[in-house]
Amino acid sequence: AVALGAGLCDGLGGSASSKAALLRQGLAEMDGFCRLFDTTHSYQSATLLGSCGVADLVVSSYSGRNRLCAARFASTMRGRLSQESNNKENVRMEGDEDLEGV
């Protein structure tokens, strides 16, 4: 899920700081998930600092298939939305006169 978010961030032109915040929050949520479902009470936060945690998170968020797929999707949709807004400039939304009575 974090890699998808990173891809969306890239595809929408988000900053490096935005992507870093997303990864930080993702890692914090991974830690919370591990704590919640650790029935053996043997989980340690240091586990996420290894290759199964932060390393995998960084690799998948910078070069993984999920990141690439989300980035392509977001950039395609961004282009379509931009084109649609340029084509529909000064056009009223259909049905907006009906909202006045609501």
PDB file of N, CA and C in Angstrom:
ATOM      1  N   ALA A   1       0.818  -1.186   0.000  1.00  0.00           N
ATOM      2  CA  ALA A   1       0.000   0.000   0.000  1.00  0.00           C
ATOM      3  C   ALA A   1       0.865   1.254   0.000  1.00  0.00           C
ATOM      4  N   VAL A   2       1.983   1.222   0.707  1.00  0.00           N
ATOM      5  CA  VAL A   2       2.859   2.387   0.764  1.00  0.00           C
ATOM      6  C   VAL A   2       3.475   2.642  -0.608  1.00  0.00           C
ATOM      7  N   ALA A   3       3.858   1.583  -1.300  1.00  0.00           N
ATOM      8  CA  ALA A   3       4.437   1.740  -2.636  1.00  0.00           C
ATOM      9  C   ALA A   3       3.415   2.325  -3.601  1.00  0.00           C
ATOM     10  N   LEU A   4       2.156   1.947  -3.472  1.00  0.00           N
ATOM     11  CA  LEU A   4       1.109   2.541  -4.308  1.00  0.00           C
ATOM     12  C   LEU A   4       0.986   4.030  -4.021  1.00  0.00           C
ATOM     13  N   GLY A   5       0.995   4.384  -2.750  1.00  0.00           N
ATOM     14  CA  GLY A   5       0.935   5.794  -2.370  1.00  0.00           C
ATOM     15  C   GLY A   5       2.130   6.571  -2.892  1.00  0.00           C
ATOM     16  N   ALA A   6       3.314   5.965  -2.832  1.00  0.00           N
ATOM     17  CA  ALA A   6       4.515   6.618  -3.352  1.00  0.00           C
ATOM     18  C   ALA A   6       4.392   6.827  -4.854  1.00  0.00           C
ATOM     19  N   GLY A   7       3.844   5.860  -5.552  1.00  0.00           N
ATOM     20  CA  GLY A   7       3.644   5.998  -6.990  1.00  0.00           C
ATOM     21  C   GLY A   7       2.648   7.100  -7.317  1.00  0.00           C
ATOM     22  N   LEU A   8       1.573   7.167  -6.548  1.00  0.00           N
ATOM     23  CA  LEU A   8       0.597   8.243  -6.751  1.00  0.00           C
ATOM     24  C   LEU A   8       1.242   9.595  -6.502  1.00  0.00           C
ATOM     25  N   CYS A   9       2.054   9.661  -5.476  1.00  0.00           N
ATOM     26  CA  CYS A   9       2.771  10.898  -5.158  1.00  0.00           C
ATOM     27  C   CYS A   9       3.664  11.298  -6.335  1.00  0.00           C
ATOM     28  N   ASP A  10       4.402  10.350  -6.881  1.00  0.00           N
ATOM     29  CA  ASP A  10       5.276  10.626  -8.028  1.00  0.00           C
ATOM     30  C   ASP A  10       4.463  11.030  -9.250  1.00  0.00           C
ATOM     31  N   GLY A  11       3.416  10.289  -9.530  1.00  0.00           N
ATOM     32  CA  GLY A  11       2.611  10.552 -10.718  1.00  0.00           C
ATOM     33  C   GLY A  11       1.883  11.874 -10.682  1.00  0.00           C
ATOM     34  N   LEU A  12       1.574  12.353  -9.487  1.00  0.00           N
ATOM     35  CA  LEU A  12       0.887  13.637  -9.341  1.00  0.00           C
ATOM     36  C   LEU A  12       1.856  14.794  -9.168  1.00  0.00           C
ATOM     37  N   GLY A  13       3.151  14.498  -9.218  1.00  0.00           N
ATOM     38  CA  GLY A  13       4.162  15.545  -9.118  1.00  0.00           C
ATOM     39  C   GLY A  13       4.450  15.988  -7.703  1.00  0.00           C
ATOM     40  N   GLY A  14       4.251  15.104  -6.737  1.00  0.00           N
ATOM     41  CA  GLY A  14       4.519  15.439  -5.340  1.00  0.00           C
ATOM     42  C   GLY A  14       6.007  15.637  -5.083  1.00  0.00           C
ATOM     43  N   SER A  15       6.303  16.336  -4.024  1.00  0.00           N
ATOM     44  CA  SER A  15       7.704  16.628  -3.684  1.00  0.00           C
ATOM     45  C   SER A  15       8.374  15.431  -3.008  1.00  0.00           C
ATOM     46  N   ALA A  16       9.685  15.480  -2.940  1.00  0.00           N
ATOM     47  CA  ALA A  16      10.444  14.445  -2.243  1.00  0.00           C
ATOM     48  C   ALA A  16      10.069  14.421  -0.761  1.00  0.00           C
ATOM     49  N   SER A  17       9.781  15.576  -0.204  1.00  0.00           N
ATOM     50  CA  SER A  17       9.381  15.653   1.201  1.00  0.00           C
ATOM     51  C   SER A  17       8.039  14.965   1.433  1.00  0.00           C
ATOM     52  N   SER A  18       7.130  15.115   0.481  1.00  0.00           N
ATOM     53  CA  SER A  18       5.833  14.446   0.588  1.00  0.00           C
ATOM     54  C   SER A  18       6.002  12.940   0.573  1.00  0.00           C
ATOM     55  N   LYS A  19       6.851  12.470  -0.326  1.00  0.00           N
ATOM     56  CA  LYS A  19       7.089  11.032  -0.428  1.00  0.00           C
ATOM     57  C   LYS A  19       7.777  10.516   0.837  1.00  0.00           C
ATOM     58  N   ALA A  20       8.712  11.278   1.374  1.00  0.00           N
ATOM     59  CA  ALA A  20       9.402  10.882   2.603  1.00  0.00           C
ATOM     60  C   ALA A  20       8.415  10.797   3.767  1.00  0.00           C
ATOM     61  N   ALA A  21       7.489  11.745   3.848  1.00  0.00           N
ATOM     62  CA  ALA A  21       6.472  11.716   4.912  1.00  0.00           C
ATOM     63  C   ALA A  21       5.583  10.497   4.764  1.00  0.00           C
ATOM     64  N   LEU A  22       5.250  10.147   3.534  1.00  0.00           N
ATOM     65  CA  LEU A  22       4.438   8.965   3.274  1.00  0.00           C
ATOM     66  C   LEU A  22       5.166   7.699   3.737  1.00  0.00           C
ATOM     67  N   LEU A  23       6.449   7.587   3.425  1.00  0.00           N
ATOM     68  CA  LEU A  23       7.222   6.428   3.855  1.00  0.00           C
ATOM     69  C   LEU A  23       7.346   6.367   5.374  1.00  0.00           C
ATOM     70  N   ARG A  24       7.556   7.525   6.007  1.00  0.00           N
ATOM     71  CA  ARG A  24       7.658   7.561   7.473  1.00  0.00           C
ATOM     72  C   ARG A  24       6.365   7.080   8.109  1.00  0.00           C
ATOM     73  N   GLN A  25       5.240   7.577   7.606  1.00  0.00           N
ATOM     74  CA  GLN A  25       3.944   7.171   8.152  1.00  0.00           C
ATOM     75  C   GLN A  25       3.681   5.690   7.883  1.00  0.00           C
ATOM     76  N   GLY A  26       4.062   5.232   6.695  1.00  0.00           N
ATOM     77  CA  GLY A  26       3.897   3.821   6.354  1.00  0.00           C
ATOM     78  C   GLY A  26       4.679   2.926   7.296  1.00  0.00           C
ATOM     79  N   LEU A  27       5.908   3.318   7.597  1.00  0.00           N
ATOM     80  CA  LEU A  27       6.730   2.532   8.524  1.00  0.00           C
ATOM     81  C   LEU A  27       6.126   2.529   9.926  1.00  0.00           C
ATOM     82  N   ALA A  28       5.595   3.671  10.343  1.00  0.00           N
ATOM     83  CA  ALA A  28       4.948   3.747  11.670  1.00  0.00           C
ATOM     84  C   ALA A  28       3.720   2.839  11.716  1.00  0.00           C
ATOM     85  N   GLU A  29       2.961   2.794  10.632  1.00  0.00           N
ATOM     86  CA  GLU A  29       1.781   1.926  10.609  1.00  0.00           C
ATOM     87  C   GLU A  29       2.174   0.454  10.549  1.00  0.00           C
ATOM     88  N   MET A  30       3.276   0.143   9.874  1.00  0.00           N
ATOM     89  CA  MET A  30       3.771  -1.235   9.871  1.00  0.00           C
ATOM     90  C   MET A  30       4.134  -1.654  11.291  1.00  0.00           C
ATOM     91  N   ASP A  31       4.772  -0.755  12.036  1.00  0.00           N
ATOM     92  CA  ASP A  31       5.149  -1.035  13.421  1.00  0.00           C
ATOM     93  C   ASP A  31       3.901  -1.290  14.263  1.00  0.00           C
ATOM     94  N   GLY A  32       2.899  -0.444  14.103  1.00  0.00           N
ATOM     95  CA  GLY A  32       1.650  -0.626  14.847  1.00  0.00           C
ATOM     96  C   GLY A  32       0.960  -1.933  14.500  1.00  0.00           C
ATOM     97  N   PHE A  33       0.959  -2.288  13.225  1.00  0.00           N
ATOM     98  CA  PHE A  33       0.361  -3.548  12.774  1.00  0.00           C
ATOM     99  C   PHE A  33       1.065  -4.736  13.426  1.00  0.00           C
ATOM    100  N   CYS A  34       2.400  -4.698  13.417  1.00  0.00           N
ATOM    101  CA  CYS A  34       3.173  -5.801  14.010  1.00  0.00           C
ATOM    102  C   CYS A  34       2.899  -5.922  15.505  1.00  0.00           C
ATOM    103  N   ARG A  35       2.816  -4.788  16.186  1.00  0.00           N
ATOM    104  CA  ARG A  35       2.524  -4.817  17.625  1.00  0.00           C
ATOM    105  C   ARG A  35       1.128  -5.381  17.900  1.00  0.00           C
ATOM    106  N   LEU A  36       0.173  -4.982  17.094  1.00  0.00           N
ATOM    107  CA  LEU A  36      -1.209  -5.397  17.297  1.00  0.00           C
ATOM    108  C   LEU A  36      -1.400  -6.900  17.107  1.00  0.00           C
ATOM    109  N   PHE A  37      -0.731  -7.450  16.111  1.00  0.00           N
ATOM    110  CA  PHE A  37      -0.954  -8.857  15.784  1.00  0.00           C
ATOM    111  C   PHE A  37       0.139  -9.794  16.290  1.00  0.00           C
ATOM    112  N   ASP A  38       1.029  -9.306  17.134  1.00  0.00           N
ATOM    113  CA  ASP A  38       2.071 -10.151  17.716  1.00  0.00           C
ATOM    114  C   ASP A  38       1.505 -10.904  18.918  1.00  0.00           C
ATOM    115  N   THR A  39       1.108 -12.131  18.677  1.00  0.00           N
ATOM    116  CA  THR A  39       0.521 -12.941  19.755  1.00  0.00           C
ATOM    117  C   THR A  39       1.590 -13.560  20.651  1.00  0.00           C
ATOM    118  N   THR A  40       2.841 -13.575  20.191  1.00  0.00           N
ATOM    119  CA  THR A  40       3.921 -14.169  20.984  1.00  0.00           C
ATOM    120  C   THR A  40       4.611 -13.141  21.875  1.00  0.00           C
ATOM    121  N   HIS A  41       4.302 -11.873  21.687  1.00  0.00           N
ATOM    122  CA  HIS A  41       4.914 -10.780  22.445  1.00  0.00           C
ATOM    123  C   HIS A  41       6.434 -10.757  22.295  1.00  0.00           C
ATOM    124  N   SER A  42       6.912 -11.135  21.125  1.00  0.00           N
ATOM    125  CA  SER A  42       8.354 -11.146  20.885  1.00  0.00           C
ATOM    126  C   SER A  42       8.780 -10.098  19.861  1.00  0.00           C
ATOM    127  N   TYR A  43       7.838  -9.321  19.335  1.00  0.00           N
ATOM    128  CA  TYR A  43       8.165  -8.319  18.326  1.00  0.00           C
ATOM    129  C   TYR A  43       8.987  -7.189  18.922  1.00  0.00           C
ATOM    130  N   GLN A  44       9.997  -6.750  18.159  1.00  0.00           N
ATOM    131  CA  GLN A  44      10.809  -5.596  18.537  1.00  0.00           C
ATOM    132  C   GLN A  44      10.853  -4.645  17.345  1.00  0.00           C
ATOM    133  N   SER A  45      10.749  -3.348  17.611  1.00  0.00           N
ATOM    134  CA  SER A  45      10.755  -2.355  16.538  1.00  0.00           C
ATOM    135  C   SER A  45      12.005  -2.449  15.671  1.00  0.00           C
ATOM    136  N   ALA A  46      13.098  -2.894  16.234  1.00  0.00           N
ATOM    137  CA  ALA A  46      14.354  -3.015  15.478  1.00  0.00           C
ATOM    138  C   ALA A  46      14.208  -3.969  14.292  1.00  0.00           C
ATOM    139  N   THR A  47      13.242  -4.866  14.365  1.00  0.00           N
ATOM    140  CA  THR A  47      13.001  -5.800  13.265  1.00  0.00           C
ATOM    141  C   THR A  47      12.723  -5.042  11.973  1.00  0.00           C
ATOM    142  N   LEU A  48      11.989  -3.945  12.072  1.00  0.00           N
ATOM    143  CA  LEU A  48      11.636  -3.174  10.878  1.00  0.00           C
ATOM    144  C   LEU A  48      12.807  -2.379  10.306  1.00  0.00           C
ATOM    145  N   LEU A  49      13.899  -2.296  11.028  1.00  0.00           N
ATOM    146  CA  LEU A  49      15.062  -1.574  10.513  1.00  0.00           C
ATOM    147  C   LEU A  49      15.907  -2.440   9.588  1.00  0.00           C
ATOM    148  N   GLY A  50      15.591  -3.711   9.470  1.00  0.00           N
ATOM    149  CA  GLY A  50      16.338  -4.624   8.612  1.00  0.00           C
ATOM    150  C   GLY A  50      15.764  -4.691   7.214  1.00  0.00           C
ATOM    151  N   SER A  51      16.194  -5.710   6.486  1.00  0.00           N
ATOM    152  CA  SER A  51      15.791  -5.843   5.088  1.00  0.00           C
ATOM    153  C   SER A  51      14.317  -6.175   4.928  1.00  0.00           C
ATOM    154  N   CYS A  52      13.678  -6.720   5.952  1.00  0.00           N
ATOM    155  CA  CYS A  52      12.253  -7.044   5.842  1.00  0.00           C
ATOM    156  C   CYS A  52      11.376  -5.842   6.151  1.00  0.00           C
ATOM    157  N   GLY A  53      11.952  -4.743   6.563  1.00  0.00           N
ATOM    158  CA  GLY A  53      11.172  -3.575   6.935  1.00  0.00           C
ATOM    159  C   GLY A  53      11.479  -2.375   6.080  1.00  0.00           C
ATOM    160  N   VAL A  54      12.299  -1.488   6.625  1.00  0.00           N
ATOM    161  CA  VAL A  54      12.552  -0.213   5.958  1.00  0.00           C
ATOM    162  C   VAL A  54      13.248  -0.405   4.605  1.00  0.00           C
ATOM    163  N   ALA A  55      14.122  -1.380   4.493  1.00  0.00           N
ATOM    164  CA  ALA A  55      14.806  -1.604   3.210  1.00  0.00           C
ATOM    165  C   ALA A  55      13.817  -2.003   2.121  1.00  0.00           C
ATOM    166  N   ASP A  56      12.925  -2.925   2.435  1.00  0.00           N
ATOM    167  CA  ASP A  56      11.911  -3.343   1.468  1.00  0.00           C
ATOM    168  C   ASP A  56      10.958  -2.195   1.160  1.00  0.00           C
ATOM    169  N   LEU A  57      10.614  -1.432   2.170  1.00  0.00           N
ATOM    170  CA  LEU A  57       9.723  -0.285   1.994  1.00  0.00           C
ATOM    171  C   LEU A  57      10.332   0.730   1.023  1.00  0.00           C
ATOM    172  N   VAL A  58      11.601   1.037   1.196  1.00  0.00           N
ATOM    173  CA  VAL A  58      12.273   2.011   0.330  1.00  0.00           C
ATOM    174  C   VAL A  58      12.397   1.486  -1.094  1.00  0.00           C
ATOM    175  N   VAL A  59      12.842   0.252  -1.255  1.00  0.00           N
ATOM    176  CA  VAL A  59      13.011  -0.309  -2.597  1.00  0.00           C
ATOM    177  C   VAL A  59      11.680  -0.357  -3.336  1.00  0.00           C
ATOM    178  N   SER A  60      10.639  -0.863  -2.694  1.00  0.00           N
ATOM    179  CA  SER A  60       9.352  -0.975  -3.376  1.00  0.00           C
ATOM    180  C   SER A  60       8.740   0.395  -3.647  1.00  0.00           C
ATOM    181  N   SER A  61       9.046   1.390  -2.818  1.00  0.00           N
ATOM    182  CA  SER A  61       8.479   2.725  -2.998  1.00  0.00           C
ATOM    183  C   SER A  61       9.241   3.568  -4.010  1.00  0.00           C
ATOM    184  N   TYR A  62      10.423   3.137  -4.393  1.00  0.00           N
ATOM    185  CA  TYR A  62      11.209   3.879  -5.377  1.00  0.00           C
ATOM    186  C   TYR A  62      11.350   3.157  -6.704  1.00  0.00           C
ATOM    187  N   SER A  63      11.203   1.831  -6.705  1.00  0.00           N
ATOM    188  CA  SER A  63      11.410   1.135  -7.981  1.00  0.00           C
ATOM    189  C   SER A  63      10.544  -0.105  -8.167  1.00  0.00           C
ATOM    190  N   GLY A  64       9.592  -0.323  -7.299  1.00  0.00           N
ATOM    191  CA  GLY A  64       8.767  -1.521  -7.391  1.00  0.00           C
ATOM    192  C   GLY A  64       7.668  -1.420  -8.441  1.00  0.00           C
ATOM    193  N   ARG A  65       7.097  -2.567  -8.767  1.00  0.00           N
ATOM    194  CA  ARG A  65       6.011  -2.624  -9.760  1.00  0.00           C
ATOM    195  C   ARG A  65       4.796  -1.828  -9.314  1.00  0.00           C
ATOM    196  N   ASN A  66       4.444  -1.928  -8.043  1.00  0.00           N
ATOM    197  CA  ASN A  66       3.275  -1.199  -7.549  1.00  0.00           C
ATOM    198  C   ASN A  66       3.466   0.309  -7.661  1.00  0.00           C
ATOM    199  N   ARG A  67       4.668   0.793  -7.340  1.00  0.00           N
ATOM    200  CA  ARG A  67       4.960   2.224  -7.472  1.00  0.00           C
ATOM    201  C   ARG A  67       4.850   2.662  -8.923  1.00  0.00           C
ATOM    202  N   LEU A  68       5.430   1.877  -9.813  1.00  0.00           N
ATOM    203  CA  LEU A  68       5.412   2.209 -11.231  1.00  0.00           C
ATOM    204  C   LEU A  68       3.983   2.237 -11.776  1.00  0.00           C
ATOM    205  N   CYS A  69       3.200   1.244 -11.424  1.00  0.00           N
ATOM    206  CA  CYS A  69       1.814   1.169 -11.882  1.00  0.00           C
ATOM    207  C   CYS A  69       1.016   2.376 -11.383  1.00  0.00           C
ATOM    208  N   ALA A  70       1.151   2.719 -10.114  1.00  0.00           N
ATOM    209  CA  ALA A  70       0.413   3.850  -9.547  1.00  0.00           C
ATOM    210  C   ALA A  70       0.885   5.171 -10.143  1.00  0.00           C
ATOM    211  N   ALA A  71       2.194   5.302 -10.393  1.00  0.00           N
ATOM    212  CA  ALA A  71       2.722   6.532 -10.985  1.00  0.00           C
ATOM    213  C   ALA A  71       2.185   6.726 -12.396  1.00  0.00           C
ATOM    214  N   ARG A  72       2.154   5.656 -13.171  1.00  0.00           N
ATOM    215  CA  ARG A  72       1.621   5.756 -14.532  1.00  0.00           C
ATOM    216  C   ARG A  72       0.137   6.104 -14.511  1.00  0.00           C
ATOM    217  N   PHE A  73      -0.605   5.459 -13.623  1.00  0.00           N
ATOM    218  CA  PHE A  73      -2.034   5.735 -13.502  1.00  0.00           C
ATOM    219  C   PHE A  73      -2.264   7.198 -13.145  1.00  0.00           C
ATOM    220  N   ALA A  74      -1.557   7.686 -12.118  1.00  0.00           N
ATOM    221  CA  ALA A  74      -1.760   9.054 -11.646  1.00  0.00           C
ATOM    222  C   ALA A  74      -1.364  10.077 -12.703  1.00  0.00           C
ATOM    223  N   SER A  75      -0.264   9.850 -13.384  1.00  0.00           N
ATOM    224  CA  SER A  75       0.153  10.825 -14.402  1.00  0.00           C
ATOM    225  C   SER A  75      -0.811  10.821 -15.585  1.00  0.00           C
ATOM    226  N   THR A  76      -1.347   9.664 -15.932  1.00  0.00           N
ATOM    227  CA  THR A  76      -2.336   9.593 -17.009  1.00  0.00           C
ATOM    228  C   THR A  76      -3.605  10.323 -16.604  1.00  0.00           C
ATOM    229  N   MET A  77      -4.079  10.071 -15.398  1.00  0.00           N
ATOM    230  CA  MET A  77      -5.298  10.724 -14.923  1.00  0.00           C
ATOM    231  C   MET A  77      -5.080  12.223 -14.760  1.00  0.00           C
ATOM    232  N   ARG A  78      -3.910  12.615 -14.328  1.00  0.00           N
ATOM    233  CA  ARG A  78      -3.591  14.038 -14.162  1.00  0.00           C
ATOM    234  C   ARG A  78      -3.663  14.742 -15.510  1.00  0.00           C
ATOM    235  N   GLY A  79      -3.136  14.102 -16.549  1.00  0.00           N
ATOM    236  CA  GLY A  79      -3.197  14.673 -17.887  1.00  0.00           C
ATOM    237  C   GLY A  79      -4.616  14.774 -18.400  1.00  0.00           C
ATOM    238  N   ARG A  80      -5.410  13.744 -18.142  1.00  0.00           N
ATOM    239  CA  ARG A  80      -6.812  13.759 -18.588  1.00  0.00           C
ATOM    240  C   ARG A  80      -7.609  14.835 -17.872  1.00  0.00           C
ATOM    241  N   LEU A  81      -7.427  14.951 -16.555  1.00  0.00           N
ATOM    242  CA  LEU A  81      -8.167  15.951 -15.796  1.00  0.00           C
ATOM    243  C   LEU A  81      -7.780  17.361 -16.222  1.00  0.00           C
ATOM    244  N   SER A  82      -6.503  17.575 -16.483  1.00  0.00           N
ATOM    245  CA  SER A  82      -6.038  18.879 -16.932  1.00  0.00           C
ATOM    246  C   SER A  82      -6.639  19.221 -18.288  1.00  0.00           C
ATOM    247  N   GLN A  83      -6.667  18.252 -19.183  1.00  0.00           N
ATOM    248  CA  GLN A  83      -7.230  18.457 -20.515  1.00  0.00           C
ATOM    249  C   GLN A  83      -8.729  18.733 -20.420  1.00  0.00           C
ATOM    250  N   GLU A  84      -9.430  17.978 -19.572  1.00  0.00           N
ATOM    251  CA  GLU A  84     -10.871  18.176 -19.407  1.00  0.00           C
ATOM    252  C   GLU A  84     -11.172  19.559 -18.844  1.00  0.00           C
ATOM    253  N   SER A  85     -10.382  20.018 -17.880  1.00  0.00           N
ATOM    254  CA  SER A  85     -10.650  21.342 -17.298  1.00  0.00           C
ATOM    255  C   SER A  85     -10.393  22.435 -18.320  1.00  0.00           C
ATOM    256  N   ASN A  86      -9.400  22.251 -19.190  1.00  0.00           N
ATOM    257  CA  ASN A  86      -9.150  23.225 -20.248  1.00  0.00           C
ATOM    258  C   ASN A  86     -10.284  23.239 -21.260  1.00  0.00           C
ATOM    259  N   ASN A  87     -10.855  22.077 -21.560  1.00  0.00           N
ATOM    260  CA  ASN A  87     -11.939  21.981 -22.527  1.00  0.00           C
ATOM    261  C   ASN A  87     -13.257  22.511 -21.988  1.00  0.00           C
ATOM    262  N   LYS A  88     -13.436  22.466 -20.675  1.00  0.00           N
ATOM    263  CA  LYS A  88     -14.723  22.828 -20.076  1.00  0.00           C
ATOM    264  C   LYS A  88     -14.680  24.157 -19.344  1.00  0.00           C
ATOM    265  N   GLU A  89     -13.751  25.001 -19.672  1.00  0.00           N
ATOM    266  CA  GLU A  89     -13.645  26.287 -19.013  1.00  0.00           C
ATOM    267  C   GLU A  89     -14.923  27.088 -19.222  1.00  0.00           C
ATOM    268  N   ASN A  90     -15.384  27.746 -18.185  1.00  0.00           N
ATOM    269  CA  ASN A  90     -16.596  28.568 -18.214  1.00  0.00           C
ATOM    270  C   ASN A  90     -17.865  27.767 -18.519  1.00  0.00           C
ATOM    271  N   VAL A  91     -17.901  26.514 -18.177  1.00  0.00           N
ATOM    272  CA  VAL A  91     -19.096  25.694 -18.378  1.00  0.00           C
ATOM    273  C   VAL A  91     -19.692  25.421 -17.007  1.00  0.00           C
ATOM    274  N   ARG A  92     -20.989  25.670 -16.853  1.00  0.00           N
ATOM    275  CA  ARG A  92     -21.660  25.413 -15.577  1.00  0.00           C
ATOM    276  C   ARG A  92     -21.889  23.927 -15.383  1.00  0.00           C
ATOM    277  N   MET A  93     -21.826  23.512 -14.140  1.00  0.00           N
ATOM    278  CA  MET A  93     -22.076  22.118 -13.819  1.00  0.00           C
ATOM    279  C   MET A  93     -23.553  21.810 -14.036  1.00  0.00           C
ATOM    280  N   GLU A  94     -23.843  20.710 -14.660  1.00  0.00           N
ATOM    281  CA  GLU A  94     -25.219  20.324 -14.926  1.00  0.00           C
ATOM    282  C   GLU A  94     -25.962  20.097 -13.629  1.00  0.00           C
ATOM    283  N   GLY A  95     -27.124  20.718 -13.513  1.00  0.00           N
ATOM    284  CA  GLY A  95     -27.958  20.528 -12.335  1.00  0.00           C
ATOM    285  C   GLY A  95     -27.671  21.460 -11.186  1.00  0.00           C
ATOM    286  N   ASP A  96     -26.738  22.412 -11.341  1.00  0.00           N
ATOM    287  CA  ASP A  96     -26.400  23.257 -10.210  1.00  0.00           C
ATOM    288  C   ASP A  96     -27.544  24.175  -9.811  1.00  0.00           C
ATOM    289  N   GLU A  97     -28.448  24.496 -10.750  1.00  0.00           N
ATOM    290  CA  GLU A  97     -29.599  25.325 -10.380  1.00  0.00           C
ATOM    291  C   GLU A  97     -30.549  24.562  -9.457  1.00  0.00           C
ATOM    292  N   ASP A  98     -30.538  23.249  -9.516  1.00  0.00           N
ATOM    293  CA  ASP A  98     -31.374  22.432  -8.646  1.00  0.00           C
ATOM    294  C   ASP A  98     -30.900  22.457  -7.200  1.00  0.00           C
ATOM    295  N   LEU A  99     -29.642  22.750  -6.985  1.00  0.00           N
ATOM    296  CA  LEU A  99     -29.091  22.741  -5.641  1.00  0.00           C
ATOM    297  C   LEU A  99     -29.560  23.916  -4.803  1.00  0.00           C
ATOM    298  N   GLU A 100     -29.976  24.994  -5.463  1.00  0.00           N
ATOM    299  CA  GLU A 100     -30.413  26.171  -4.720  1.00  0.00           C
ATOM    300  C   GLU A 100     -31.622  25.866  -3.841  1.00  0.00           C
ATOM    301  N   GLY A 101     -32.492  24.982  -4.279  1.00  0.00           N
ATOM    302  CA  GLY A 101     -33.694  24.654  -3.508  1.00  0.00           C
ATOM    303  C   GLY A 101     -33.463  23.653  -2.403  1.00  0.00           C
ATOM    304  N   VAL A 102     -32.276  23.079  -2.348  1.00  0.00           N
ATOM    305  CA  VAL A 102     -32.000  22.030  -1.357  1.00  0.00           C
ATOM    306  C   VAL A 102     -31.563  22.643  -0.047  1.00  0.00           C
TER     307      VAL A 102
END
